[in-house]
Amino acid sequence: MERRSFVKSMTFGLASLNAVNAVNAAGPMPEPSAPVSERFRKLRDEIRNSTGGQATWDRFRREILLQPGLIYLNTGSVGCVPRTVLEAISGWMTEIEADPVHMVFGPLGYQAEGVRVKAAEFLGAKTEEIVLTENTTSGMNMIAEGIAHSLKPGDEILTTNHEHPGGMICWDYLAKHRGVKIVQIPMPAPATSKGQIVDLVKKHLTKKTKVCSFSHVETITGLRMPLAAIAELTRPRKILLVCDGAQAPGMLKIDVKELGVDTYASSSHKWLLASKGSGLLYIRKEIQDRIQPIALSTGYGAYTAGSGTRNVAQLLGHGVAIDIHNAIGRETIEKRCQELSGYLRKRFVEVPGLKLLTATDPELTSGISTFGLTRGKTGEIYEKLHKEHNIVVKVAAKPEYNAFRFSTHIYNTEKEIDKTAEVLTTMLRG
């Protein structure tokens, strides 16, 4: 199928429901080679038969290509792509290159639309509310561009002082070029309760507040924001509740409807374990007329005139990553991530020289835990951890905290946490 006719059918001539029907008519997601399809079936069956116990995590760990002995506690920056996903992408790339135009704008291109269907179900949304993006920043930029026309000088964007720069650059741009005012809530570290956070948000809302922009899981301390309670404040006031969800899908079971957010941008290359440059964007159907960026002016499809040519193999691989999470079970993954982070906090509070900056209220916790140093410098210790002990962590983005951030995903183990605690104990005593 040629580019022009493909665009016409997928963008201008099809409503979202028709696009889904076209995907269903095309059949199941194609598999690039027998070995890859067999690998996925075997992985799926072994995971399902292990019922979420240690055998599940040991089996899944064999899918991860980390160098032997490396303790990787930094999924919050970049996650590890399973072997099955990588091999599937490689297979599709080879298949595409055998007949590029007819694959990209033909059978495989159509199948990319099926990933939107999977992603919508994964986030608890409708297919027509989902966009396949490159990362959280690209999604946040679309939102800001899409509402820029409705903002006036002096209108307020309420956010926090713990946001990721990639989720803030869009508001910084509007402040510079549109004259909007950014209001930042000083966040506690650690937070003590959901009520404390909701009260802080309520205190900072004014008649000029047009957008509330918060992370679902905060990048600094791993705080899980009580979005549903915040939505009860913003929805009646017609304030857009914009969510930076970079750290949540693949770690927590997400239902955007239950959260009450108006938009949700995420990076699938973190906890969802898709390839680098994979992301999702949700825009609630009822407010889509308020958000109209250029890239979405011709529709939300996997390929449109506004999106231009896509990396089809990578989009399909994104779907495989979702399949793997579904095979394990999203509730099972969330429970394991929480177990590991709880275990890490318990072990690390015993380490001299570490101060917990992460909330302990179960409603506010996630797979991220942050500890400040009461002695020593994070830069020096980070280098020693990596070069001398093969341990990868993250220096927290706020230098004044002098802190490390630890991410615990399902390929991590209690033994790795124990070893890291022992190494830190020795370092900080020295």
Protein backbone atom coordinates (compact mmCIF):
# COMPACT_ATOMS: atom_id res chain seq x y z
CA MET A 1 0.00 0.00 0.00
CA GLU A 2 1.43 3.39 -0.95
CA ARG A 3 1.91 6.16 1.60
CA ARG A 4 -0.87 8.41 0.31
CA SER A 5 -3.53 5.71 0.30
CA PHE A 6 -2.39 4.45 3.71
CA VAL A 7 -2.69 7.91 5.23
CA LYS A 8 -6.10 8.35 3.66
CA SER A 9 -7.41 5.08 5.07
CA MET A 10 -5.84 5.32 8.51
CA THR A 11 -6.18 9.05 9.14
CA PHE A 12 -8.90 10.77 7.22
CA GLY A 13 -11.25 7.98 6.23
CA LEU A 14 -11.46 5.92 9.44
CA ALA A 15 -12.96 6.69 12.79
CA SER A 16 -11.28 5.00 15.73
CA LEU A 17 -13.75 2.12 15.77
CA ASN A 18 -13.18 1.39 12.11
CA ALA A 19 -9.44 1.39 12.71
CA VAL A 20 -9.86 -1.21 15.45
CA ASN A 21 -12.04 -3.30 13.15
CA ALA A 22 -9.34 -3.13 10.48
CA VAL A 23 -6.79 -4.41 12.99
CA ASN A 24 -9.04 -7.27 14.01
CA ALA A 25 -9.68 -8.18 10.38
CA ALA A 26 -5.94 -8.27 9.74
CA GLY A 27 -5.59 -11.08 12.26
CA PRO A 28 -3.34 -11.53 15.29
CA MET A 29 -0.06 -9.71 15.77
CA PRO A 30 2.39 -11.24 13.28
CA GLU A 31 5.37 -13.11 14.65
CA PRO A 32 8.65 -12.49 12.82
CA SER A 33 10.11 -15.96 13.25
CA ALA A 34 9.28 -19.33 14.76
CA PRO A 35 12.07 -19.20 17.40
CA VAL A 36 10.81 -15.86 18.70
CA SER A 37 7.17 -16.94 18.83
CA GLU A 38 8.17 -20.17 20.56
CA ARG A 39 10.28 -18.22 23.07
CA PHE A 40 7.35 -15.97 23.95
CA ARG A 41 4.89 -18.86 24.27
CA LYS A 42 7.32 -20.72 26.52
CA LEU A 43 7.98 -17.62 28.63
CA ARG A 44 4.26 -16.88 28.93
CA ASP A 45 3.38 -20.46 29.90
CA GLU A 46 6.20 -20.79 32.43
CA ILE A 47 5.27 -17.49 34.04
CA ARG A 48 1.60 -18.40 34.25
CA ASN A 49 2.37 -21.81 35.73
CA SER A 50 4.65 -20.38 38.42
CA THR A 51 1.78 -18.38 40.01
CA GLY A 52 3.86 -15.35 40.89
CA GLY A 53 6.31 -17.02 43.27
CA GLN A 54 10.11 -16.94 43.26
CA ALA A 55 10.14 -19.22 40.21
CA THR A 56 8.45 -16.43 38.24
CA TRP A 57 11.13 -13.92 39.11
CA ASP A 58 13.98 -16.37 38.53
CA ARG A 59 12.51 -17.28 35.14
CA PHE A 60 12.01 -13.66 34.18
CA ARG A 61 15.52 -12.73 35.26
CA ARG A 62 16.83 -15.03 32.53
CA GLU A 63 15.11 -12.75 30.00
CA ILE A 64 17.23 -9.81 31.12
CA LEU A 65 20.58 -9.19 29.44
CA LEU A 66 22.40 -7.42 32.26
CA GLN A 67 26.07 -8.33 32.45
CA PRO A 68 26.75 -11.06 35.05
CA GLY A 69 27.11 -9.66 38.54
CA LEU A 70 25.70 -6.21 37.77
CA ILE A 71 23.23 -4.99 40.41
CA TYR A 72 20.93 -2.64 38.50
CA LEU A 73 18.82 -0.44 40.80
CA ASN A 74 18.04 2.32 38.31
CA THR A 75 14.97 1.30 36.32
CA GLY A 76 13.61 4.75 37.16
CA SER A 77 16.05 6.17 34.61
CA VAL A 78 16.08 3.42 31.97
CA GLY A 79 14.69 -0.09 32.21
CA CYS A 80 16.02 -3.40 30.87
CA VAL A 81 14.39 -4.73 27.69
CA PRO A 82 13.65 -8.50 27.83
CA ARG A 83 15.35 -10.75 25.30
CA THR A 84 11.99 -11.72 23.81
CA VAL A 85 11.13 -8.09 23.04
CA LEU A 86 14.54 -7.42 21.47
CA GLU A 87 14.40 -10.51 19.29
CA ALA A 88 10.86 -9.73 18.17
CA ILE A 89 11.87 -6.19 17.15
CA SER A 90 14.92 -7.53 15.32
CA GLY A 91 12.76 -10.04 13.47
CA TRP A 92 10.27 -7.41 12.40
CA MET A 93 13.06 -5.08 11.26
CA THR A 94 14.44 -7.83 9.05
CA GLU A 95 10.97 -8.55 7.67
CA ILE A 96 10.40 -4.85 6.92
CA GLU A 97 13.68 -4.46 5.07
CA ALA A 98 12.76 -7.29 2.72
CA ASP A 99 10.05 -5.05 1.20
CA PRO A 100 10.09 -1.72 3.09
CA VAL A 101 7.27 0.31 1.58
CA HIS A 102 4.78 -2.54 1.41
CA MET A 103 5.52 -3.61 4.99
CA VAL A 104 5.66 -0.18 6.66
CA PHE A 105 2.54 1.04 4.84
CA GLY A 106 0.93 -2.38 4.64
CA PRO A 107 0.44 -5.44 6.89
CA LEU A 108 2.92 -4.55 9.63
CA GLY A 109 1.91 -0.89 9.59
CA TYR A 110 -1.72 -1.84 10.12
CA GLN A 111 -0.75 -4.13 13.00
CA ALA A 112 0.86 -1.21 14.83
CA GLU A 113 -2.65 0.09 15.38
CA GLY A 114 -3.27 -3.04 17.43
CA VAL A 115 -0.68 -1.84 19.93
CA ARG A 116 -2.92 1.15 20.64
CA VAL A 117 -5.71 -1.27 21.48
CA LYS A 118 -3.44 -3.15 23.91
CA ALA A 119 -2.13 0.10 25.41
CA ALA A 120 -5.63 1.42 25.98
CA GLU A 121 -6.62 -1.71 27.87
CA PHE A 122 -3.35 -1.56 29.82
CA LEU A 123 -4.14 1.97 31.04
CA GLY A 124 -7.88 1.49 31.49
CA ALA A 125 -8.70 3.87 28.64
CA LYS A 126 -10.56 3.82 25.31
CA THR A 127 -8.53 3.25 22.16
CA GLU A 128 -9.54 6.65 20.78
CA GLU A 129 -7.93 8.26 23.87
CA ILE A 130 -4.46 6.74 23.34
CA VAL A 131 -1.45 7.98 21.34
CA LEU A 132 1.79 6.03 20.82
CA THR A 133 4.63 8.47 21.52
CA GLU A 134 8.40 8.44 21.99
CA ASN A 135 8.50 9.26 25.72
CA THR A 136 6.89 11.28 28.50
CA THR A 137 8.46 14.56 27.40
CA SER A 138 7.01 14.31 23.89
CA GLY A 139 3.58 13.64 25.36
CA MET A 140 3.81 16.54 27.80
CA ASN A 141 4.96 18.82 24.99
CA MET A 142 1.89 17.84 22.95
CA ILE A 143 -0.37 18.76 25.86
CA ALA A 144 1.26 22.15 26.41
CA GLU A 145 1.26 22.97 22.70
CA GLY A 146 -2.34 21.84 22.44
CA ILE A 147 -3.61 24.18 25.18
CA ALA A 148 -1.30 27.13 24.53
CA HIS A 149 -3.97 28.98 22.53
CA SER A 150 -6.34 28.99 25.51
CA LEU A 151 -3.85 30.39 28.05
CA LYS A 152 -3.43 34.09 28.79
CA PRO A 153 -0.57 35.96 30.49
CA GLY A 154 -0.93 35.53 34.25
CA ASP A 155 -2.74 32.20 34.05
CA GLU A 156 -1.22 29.75 36.51
CA ILE A 157 0.26 26.28 36.08
CA LEU A 158 0.33 24.59 39.49
CA THR A 159 3.02 21.94 39.89
CA THR A 160 5.64 20.91 42.47
CA ASN A 161 9.34 21.46 43.07
CA HIS A 162 9.90 17.70 42.63
CA GLU A 163 9.00 17.37 38.95
CA HIS A 164 11.31 15.90 36.31
CA PRO A 165 12.83 18.56 34.01
CA GLY A 166 11.47 16.65 31.00
CA GLY A 167 7.95 17.19 32.29
CA MET A 168 8.57 20.83 33.13
CA ILE A 169 10.19 22.14 29.96
CA CYS A 170 6.80 22.51 28.26
CA TRP A 171 5.54 24.80 31.05
CA ASP A 172 8.83 26.71 31.12
CA TYR A 173 8.35 27.34 27.40
CA LEU A 174 4.81 28.66 27.91
CA ALA A 175 6.00 30.86 30.77
CA LYS A 176 8.65 32.36 28.51
CA HIS A 177 6.56 32.76 25.36
CA ARG A 178 2.98 33.04 26.68
CA GLY A 179 3.52 34.79 29.99
CA VAL A 180 1.89 32.08 32.12
CA LYS A 181 2.97 31.80 35.74
CA ILE A 182 4.41 28.59 37.16
CA VAL A 183 3.52 27.99 40.82
CA GLN A 184 5.50 25.24 42.57
CA ILE A 185 4.34 23.50 45.72
CA PRO A 186 7.29 22.86 48.08
CA MET A 187 7.05 19.12 48.65
CA PRO A 188 7.81 17.42 51.96
CA ALA A 189 10.50 14.74 52.07
CA PRO A 190 9.22 12.48 53.38
CA ALA A 191 5.50 13.07 53.02
CA THR A 192 3.45 11.79 55.94
CA SER A 193 -0.05 11.22 54.56
CA LYS A 194 -2.38 11.57 51.58
CA GLY A 195 -4.22 14.32 53.43
CA GLN A 196 -1.03 16.33 53.76
CA ILE A 197 -0.53 16.32 49.99
CA VAL A 198 -4.16 17.10 49.17
CA ASP A 199 -4.14 20.01 51.62
CA LEU A 200 -1.01 21.42 49.98
CA VAL A 201 -2.65 21.29 46.56
CA LYS A 202 -5.86 22.88 47.83
CA LYS A 203 -3.91 25.64 49.53
CA HIS A 204 -2.21 26.62 46.27
CA LEU A 205 -5.26 26.62 43.98
CA THR A 206 -6.44 30.08 42.91
CA LYS A 207 -8.94 31.51 40.45
CA LYS A 208 -6.05 31.83 37.98
CA THR A 209 -5.09 28.12 38.15
CA LYS A 210 -5.76 26.62 34.71
CA VAL A 211 -3.58 23.50 34.86
CA CYS A 212 -2.36 21.21 37.64
CA SER A 213 0.65 19.22 36.46
CA PHE A 214 1.84 16.46 38.78
CA SER A 215 3.86 13.28 38.52
CA HIS A 216 2.00 10.08 39.34
CA VAL A 217 5.15 8.69 40.95
CA GLU A 218 7.50 11.48 41.87
CA THR A 219 10.98 11.25 40.37
CA ILE A 220 12.79 12.59 43.46
CA THR A 221 11.43 10.53 46.36
CA GLY A 222 9.13 7.99 44.67
CA LEU A 223 6.04 9.52 46.29
CA ARG A 224 2.82 8.20 44.75
CA MET A 225 0.61 11.26 44.32
CA PRO A 226 -3.04 10.86 45.45
CA LEU A 227 -4.35 11.82 42.02
CA ALA A 228 -7.93 10.65 42.51
CA ALA A 229 -8.30 12.90 45.55
CA ILE A 230 -6.68 15.79 43.68
CA ALA A 231 -9.07 15.25 40.76
CA GLU A 232 -11.95 15.88 43.16
CA LEU A 233 -10.52 19.38 43.55
CA THR A 234 -9.68 20.09 39.91
CA ARG A 235 -12.57 18.55 37.95
CA PRO A 236 -15.35 20.77 39.42
CA ARG A 237 -13.19 23.85 38.76
CA LYS A 238 -12.54 22.78 35.13
CA ILE A 239 -8.81 22.81 35.85
CA LEU A 240 -6.89 20.40 33.61
CA LEU A 241 -5.21 17.68 35.65
CA VAL A 242 -2.11 16.77 33.64
CA CYS A 243 -0.07 13.79 34.77
CA ASP A 244 3.58 12.96 34.17
CA GLY A 245 3.30 9.17 34.41
CA ALA A 246 6.88 8.34 33.46
CA GLN A 247 7.51 6.19 36.53
CA ALA A 248 4.25 4.26 36.93
CA PRO A 249 3.12 1.99 34.02
CA GLY A 250 4.83 -1.37 34.41
CA MET A 251 5.36 -0.76 38.12
CA LEU A 252 1.79 -0.05 39.23
CA LYS A 253 -1.49 -1.24 37.79
CA ILE A 254 -2.85 1.89 36.13
CA ASP A 255 -6.47 2.85 35.56
CA VAL A 256 -6.60 6.43 34.28
CA LYS A 257 -10.35 6.59 34.80
CA GLU A 258 -10.01 5.74 38.49
CA LEU A 259 -7.19 8.27 38.81
CA GLY A 260 -9.44 10.99 37.38
CA VAL A 261 -6.67 12.60 35.34
CA ASP A 262 -7.38 14.50 32.12
CA THR A 263 -4.08 13.52 30.47
CA TYR A 264 -1.42 10.94 31.26
CA ALA A 265 1.98 10.87 29.53
CA SER A 266 4.42 8.03 30.15
CA SER A 267 7.71 6.46 29.06
CA SER A 268 7.46 2.76 28.33
CA HIS A 269 11.26 2.33 28.30
CA LYS A 270 11.33 2.46 32.09
CA TRP A 271 9.16 0.06 34.12
CA LEU A 272 7.18 -1.30 31.16
CA LEU A 273 10.51 -2.56 29.70
CA ALA A 274 9.80 -1.59 26.09
CA SER A 275 12.61 -0.40 23.84
CA LYS A 276 14.12 3.04 24.27
CA GLY A 277 12.01 5.74 22.62
CA SER A 278 8.64 4.17 23.46
CA GLY A 279 5.88 6.04 25.24
CA LEU A 280 2.14 6.48 25.70
CA LEU A 281 -0.19 9.46 25.95
CA TYR A 282 -3.78 9.41 27.22
CA ILE A 283 -6.13 12.33 26.62
CA ARG A 284 -9.61 12.01 28.13
CA LYS A 285 -12.26 11.99 25.40
CA GLU A 286 -14.34 14.71 27.01
CA ILE A 287 -11.53 17.30 26.92
CA GLN A 288 -9.91 16.47 23.58
CA ASP A 289 -11.43 19.58 22.01
CA ARG A 290 -9.38 21.63 24.50
CA ILE A 291 -6.07 20.00 23.54
CA GLN A 292 -5.15 20.32 19.87
CA PRO A 293 -1.42 19.99 19.09
CA ILE A 294 -0.21 19.83 15.49
CA ALA A 295 0.86 16.18 15.72
CA LEU A 296 -2.66 15.08 16.67
CA SER A 297 -4.55 17.34 14.27
CA THR A 298 -5.09 14.41 11.87
CA GLY A 299 -5.94 11.81 14.48
CA TYR A 300 -4.54 9.63 17.25
CA GLY A 301 -3.64 6.62 15.08
CA ALA A 302 -0.31 4.82 15.15
CA TYR A 303 0.39 6.41 11.76
CA THR A 304 -1.19 9.66 10.56
CA ALA A 305 -0.23 12.61 8.41
CA GLY A 306 0.63 14.43 11.63
CA SER A 307 2.91 11.72 12.94
CA GLY A 308 4.82 10.91 9.76
CA THR A 309 6.61 7.61 9.21
CA ARG A 310 7.05 5.54 12.37
CA ASN A 311 9.46 2.87 13.55
CA VAL A 312 6.94 0.07 13.01
CA ALA A 313 9.15 -2.70 14.43
CA GLN A 314 9.61 -0.76 17.64
CA LEU A 315 5.89 -0.05 17.93
CA LEU A 316 5.14 -3.76 17.58
CA GLY A 317 7.81 -4.56 20.17
CA HIS A 318 6.03 -2.18 22.50
CA GLY A 319 3.04 -4.48 22.20
CA VAL A 320 5.15 -7.51 23.11
CA ALA A 321 6.33 -5.74 26.29
CA ILE A 322 2.68 -5.17 27.22
CA ASP A 323 1.94 -8.84 26.49
CA ILE A 324 4.68 -9.94 28.88
CA HIS A 325 3.36 -7.74 31.67
CA ASN A 326 -0.14 -9.07 31.10
CA ALA A 327 1.17 -12.64 31.18
CA ILE A 328 2.79 -12.10 34.56
CA GLY A 329 -0.16 -10.04 35.84
CA ARG A 330 -0.13 -6.33 36.59
CA GLU A 331 -1.29 -6.82 40.17
CA THR A 332 1.45 -9.42 40.67
CA ILE A 333 4.10 -7.04 39.33
CA GLU A 334 2.90 -4.17 41.51
CA LYS A 335 2.93 -6.39 44.58
CA ARG A 336 6.48 -7.58 43.86
CA CYS A 337 7.78 -4.05 43.23
CA GLN A 338 6.25 -2.92 46.51
CA GLU A 339 7.67 -5.92 48.38
CA LEU A 340 11.17 -5.20 47.11
CA SER A 341 11.02 -1.47 47.85
CA GLY A 342 9.65 -2.19 51.32
CA TYR A 343 12.47 -4.65 51.93
CA LEU A 344 15.02 -2.12 50.68
CA ARG A 345 13.71 0.59 53.00
CA LYS A 346 13.80 -1.81 55.95
CA ARG A 347 17.41 -2.79 55.23
CA PHE A 348 18.70 0.68 54.38
CA VAL A 349 17.31 2.49 57.43
CA GLU A 350 19.77 0.33 59.39
CA VAL A 351 22.72 1.69 57.39
CA PRO A 352 24.60 4.41 59.32
CA GLY A 353 24.73 7.63 57.34
CA LEU A 354 21.46 7.13 55.42
CA LYS A 355 18.27 9.12 56.03
CA LEU A 356 14.96 8.03 54.49
CA LEU A 357 13.32 10.71 52.31
CA THR A 358 10.53 8.47 50.98
CA ALA A 359 7.06 8.17 52.48
CA THR A 360 6.20 4.98 54.36
CA ASP A 361 2.39 5.30 54.17
CA PRO A 362 1.38 2.39 51.85
CA GLU A 363 -0.93 4.72 49.90
CA LEU A 364 2.06 6.86 48.97
CA THR A 365 4.79 4.29 48.30
CA SER A 366 6.05 2.90 45.00
CA GLY A 367 8.98 0.92 43.60
CA ILE A 368 11.27 3.92 44.17
CA SER A 369 12.97 4.72 47.48
CA THR A 370 15.27 7.65 48.18
CA PHE A 371 17.83 8.08 50.96
CA GLY A 372 19.81 11.19 51.81
CA LEU A 373 23.40 10.96 52.98
CA THR A 374 24.23 12.40 56.38
CA ARG A 375 27.93 11.94 55.59
CA GLY A 376 29.90 11.73 52.37
CA LYS A 377 29.17 13.02 48.86
CA THR A 378 26.87 11.23 46.46
CA GLY A 379 29.10 11.80 43.43
CA GLU A 380 32.09 10.06 44.98
CA ILE A 381 30.07 7.18 46.39
CA TYR A 382 28.20 6.71 43.11
CA GLU A 383 31.49 6.21 41.27
CA LYS A 384 32.73 3.69 43.82
CA LEU A 385 29.47 1.77 43.76
CA HIS A 386 29.65 1.43 40.00
CA LYS A 387 33.35 0.95 39.36
CA GLU A 388 34.35 -1.04 42.42
CA HIS A 389 31.17 -2.97 43.27
CA ASN A 390 29.20 -3.20 40.01
CA ILE A 391 26.14 -1.50 41.53
CA VAL A 392 24.10 1.03 39.53
CA VAL A 393 21.94 3.54 41.38
CA LYS A 394 20.76 7.11 40.70
CA VAL A 395 21.92 10.34 42.29
CA ALA A 396 18.72 12.19 43.18
CA ALA A 397 18.11 15.22 40.97
CA LYS A 398 17.95 17.77 43.83
CA PRO A 399 21.57 18.39 44.94
CA GLU A 400 20.46 19.90 48.25
CA TYR A 401 19.16 16.49 49.32
CA ASN A 402 22.57 14.83 48.76
CA ALA A 403 20.61 11.65 48.10
CA PHE A 404 20.46 8.38 46.16
CA ARG A 405 17.35 7.02 44.45
CA PHE A 406 16.89 3.24 44.30
CA SER A 407 14.48 1.56 41.86
CA THR A 408 13.45 -2.05 42.52
CA HIS A 409 11.82 -3.89 39.63
CA ILE A 410 10.85 -7.55 39.24
CA TYR A 411 14.30 -8.54 37.96
CA ASN A 412 15.89 -7.36 41.21
CA THR A 413 16.32 -9.61 44.25
CA GLU A 414 16.54 -9.40 48.01
CA LYS A 415 20.14 -10.69 47.76
CA GLU A 416 21.07 -7.70 45.59
CA ILE A 417 19.51 -5.36 48.14
CA ASP A 418 21.39 -7.09 50.97
CA LYS A 419 24.70 -6.76 49.15
CA THR A 420 24.11 -3.09 48.37
CA ALA A 421 23.26 -2.42 52.02
CA GLU A 422 26.46 -4.15 53.13
CA VAL A 423 28.58 -2.19 50.64
CA LEU A 424 27.02 1.11 51.70
CA THR A 425 27.52 0.27 55.37
CA THR A 426 31.23 -0.30 54.79
CA MET A 427 31.58 2.86 52.66
CA LEU A 428 29.77 5.19 55.02
CA ARG A 429 31.61 3.93 58.09
CA GLY A 430 34.93 4.55 56.39
